[in-house]
Protein backbone atom coordinates (compact mmCIF):
# COMPACT_ATOMS: atom_id res chain seq x y z
CA MET A 1 -29.14 26.79 4.94
CA ASN A 2 -25.77 25.59 6.25
CA SER A 3 -27.36 22.28 7.22
CA ILE A 4 -28.11 21.48 3.59
CA PHE A 5 -24.50 22.28 2.65
CA TRP A 6 -23.14 19.87 5.28
CA LEU A 7 -25.57 17.10 4.26
CA GLY A 8 -24.52 17.57 0.65
CA ALA A 9 -20.83 17.53 1.56
CA MET A 10 -21.32 14.38 3.59
CA ALA A 11 -23.21 12.70 0.72
CA VAL A 12 -20.50 13.59 -1.78
CA MET A 13 -17.77 12.24 0.50
CA LEU A 14 -19.69 9.02 1.12
CA VAL A 15 -20.17 8.51 -2.63
CA ILE A 16 -16.45 9.07 -3.23
CA GLU A 17 -15.65 6.59 -0.46
CA ALA A 18 -18.05 4.01 -1.89
CA VAL A 19 -16.43 4.32 -5.31
CA THR A 20 -12.80 4.25 -4.17
CA LEU A 21 -12.97 2.08 -1.02
CA GLY A 22 -9.69 3.63 0.03
CA LEU A 23 -10.60 4.85 3.53
CA THR A 24 -9.83 8.41 2.46
CA THR A 25 -12.99 10.51 2.59
CA ILE A 26 -14.94 8.58 5.23
CA TRP A 27 -13.23 10.61 7.96
CA PHE A 28 -14.31 13.87 6.36
CA ALA A 29 -17.84 12.53 6.00
CA GLY A 30 -17.81 12.08 9.79
CA GLY A 31 -16.62 15.66 10.17
CA ALA A 32 -19.41 16.84 7.87
CA LEU A 33 -21.93 14.92 9.98
CA ALA A 34 -20.66 16.64 13.14
CA ALA A 35 -20.79 20.03 11.39
CA PHE A 36 -24.34 19.25 10.25
CA LEU A 37 -25.41 18.50 13.83
CA ILE A 38 -23.77 21.71 15.06
CA SER A 39 -25.46 23.69 12.26
CA LEU A 40 -28.85 22.61 13.61
CA ALA A 41 -28.09 24.33 16.91
CA VAL A 42 -25.82 27.19 15.88
CA ASP A 43 -26.00 29.25 12.71
CA ASN A 44 -22.33 30.22 12.53
CA ILE A 45 -20.37 28.92 9.54
CA LEU A 46 -17.00 29.57 11.25
CA ILE A 47 -17.89 27.33 14.20
CA GLU A 48 -19.21 24.69 11.81
CA PHE A 49 -15.95 24.68 9.80
CA ILE A 50 -13.91 24.45 13.00
CA VAL A 51 -15.99 21.47 14.15
CA PHE A 52 -15.72 19.90 10.67
CA PHE A 53 -11.92 20.12 10.61
CA ALA A 54 -11.47 19.15 14.26
CA VAL A 55 -13.69 16.06 14.04
CA SER A 56 -12.24 15.05 10.65
CA LEU A 57 -8.67 15.25 11.97
CA LEU A 58 -9.54 13.41 15.18
CA LEU A 59 -11.20 10.62 13.22
CA LEU A 60 -8.32 10.50 10.75
CA PHE A 61 -5.56 10.28 13.35
CA TYR A 62 -7.24 8.11 15.98
CA THR A 63 -9.48 5.70 14.13
CA ARG A 64 -7.77 5.28 10.75
CA PRO A 65 -4.93 3.08 12.09
CA LEU A 66 -7.48 0.77 13.73
CA ALA A 67 -9.64 0.63 10.62
CA ALA A 68 -6.67 0.00 8.36
CA LYS A 69 -5.53 -2.82 10.64
CA TYR A 70 -8.90 -4.60 10.58
CA PHE A 71 -9.81 -3.90 6.95
CA ASN A 72 -6.44 -5.13 5.64
CA LYS A 73 -6.47 -8.22 7.84
CA GLY A 74 -7.27 -10.63 5.01
CA ARG A 75 -5.21 -8.78 2.43
CA VAL A 76 -3.82 -11.10 -0.21
CA ARG A 77 -0.29 -10.37 -1.24
CA THR A 78 0.22 -9.64 -4.91
CA ASN A 79 2.17 -12.05 -7.07
CA TYR A 80 5.48 -10.29 -6.82
CA GLU A 81 5.24 -9.90 -3.03
CA SER A 82 4.72 -13.64 -2.63
CA TYR A 83 8.02 -14.35 -4.42
CA ILE A 84 10.13 -12.57 -1.82
CA GLY A 85 11.95 -15.16 0.27
CA GLN A 86 11.34 -18.00 -2.21
CA GLU A 87 14.08 -20.11 -3.69
CA ALA A 88 14.88 -19.94 -7.40
CA LYS A 89 17.25 -21.73 -9.76
CA VAL A 90 19.77 -19.73 -11.77
CA THR A 91 19.28 -20.45 -15.49
CA GLU A 92 21.66 -17.81 -16.88
CA LYS A 93 24.86 -16.57 -15.22
CA ILE A 94 24.04 -13.61 -12.97
CA ASP A 95 26.64 -10.89 -13.46
CA ASN A 96 25.59 -7.34 -12.56
CA PHE A 97 28.64 -5.82 -14.25
CA ASN A 98 27.63 -7.32 -17.62
CA ALA A 99 23.89 -6.92 -16.90
CA THR A 100 23.13 -10.59 -17.41
CA GLY A 101 21.23 -13.15 -15.44
CA ALA A 102 18.00 -15.09 -15.20
CA VAL A 103 16.33 -17.37 -12.68
CA LEU A 104 13.50 -19.86 -12.79
CA LEU A 105 11.02 -18.79 -10.14
CA ASP A 106 7.72 -20.57 -9.64
CA GLY A 107 7.93 -22.02 -13.15
CA LYS A 108 8.53 -18.62 -14.75
CA GLU A 109 11.78 -17.14 -15.99
CA TRP A 110 12.73 -13.81 -14.44
CA THR A 111 15.56 -11.45 -15.25
CA ALA A 112 17.77 -11.48 -12.19
CA ARG A 113 20.50 -9.43 -10.59
CA ALA A 114 22.64 -10.24 -7.57
CA GLU A 115 22.02 -8.31 -4.38
CA ASP A 116 25.79 -7.84 -4.06
CA ASP A 117 27.15 -6.17 -7.20
CA ARG A 118 30.51 -7.99 -6.87
CA CYS A 119 28.86 -11.41 -6.73
CA VAL A 120 28.71 -13.60 -9.87
CA ILE A 121 26.33 -16.55 -9.63
CA GLU A 122 26.73 -19.50 -11.98
CA PRO A 123 23.84 -21.40 -13.64
CA GLY A 124 22.37 -24.25 -11.61
CA LYS A 125 22.91 -22.54 -8.26
CA ARG A 126 20.09 -22.11 -5.81
CA VAL A 127 19.29 -18.51 -4.82
CA VAL A 128 16.80 -16.73 -2.60
CA VAL A 129 14.75 -13.78 -3.84
CA LYS A 130 15.46 -10.78 -1.63
CA ARG A 131 13.25 -8.24 -3.41
CA ILE A 132 11.68 -7.38 -6.74
CA GLU A 133 12.67 -4.19 -8.57
CA GLY A 134 10.51 -3.59 -11.62
CA VAL A 135 10.77 -6.79 -13.65
CA LYS A 136 14.00 -7.99 -12.05
CA ALA A 137 14.40 -10.40 -9.17
CA ILE A 138 17.18 -9.31 -6.82
CA VAL A 139 18.70 -12.49 -5.43
CA ALA A 140 21.41 -13.77 -3.11
CA GLU A 141 23.10 -17.15 -3.13
CA GLU A 142 21.51 -19.49 -0.64
CA SER A 143 24.78 -20.00 1.22
CA GLU A 144 25.09 -16.22 1.69
CA VAL A 145 21.58 -16.03 3.19
CA LEU A 146 22.21 -18.62 5.92
């Protein structure tokens, strides 16, 4: 009877993994498989749960980093991540105190703020994008970056 439970648990976890593709429940599906195999030999639910948790945790801690490394190998950075480190042209005076500023970045205008709150950057200057916060590009003057 326990064997059917473990097969069902494994099936549910595999379906969830197939839908999400997040490498979250696959480790527990492996634990359910181990518990299923144990349930064929031993009819003790406590031992089966111990095996389930032990194998799931071992798989999670020892194989997940390797899987994440190889599955994310060809990961494409999102648009905003690709802007970090790029140069931009200041189109509106960047002044954090007055909450003003804009840059032209990859042909698009972005609201911008200086990385250093005391820094005021005049239009026409070249800046480097340090990070993106929400819809604002946080920039530093190119001469400050070098």
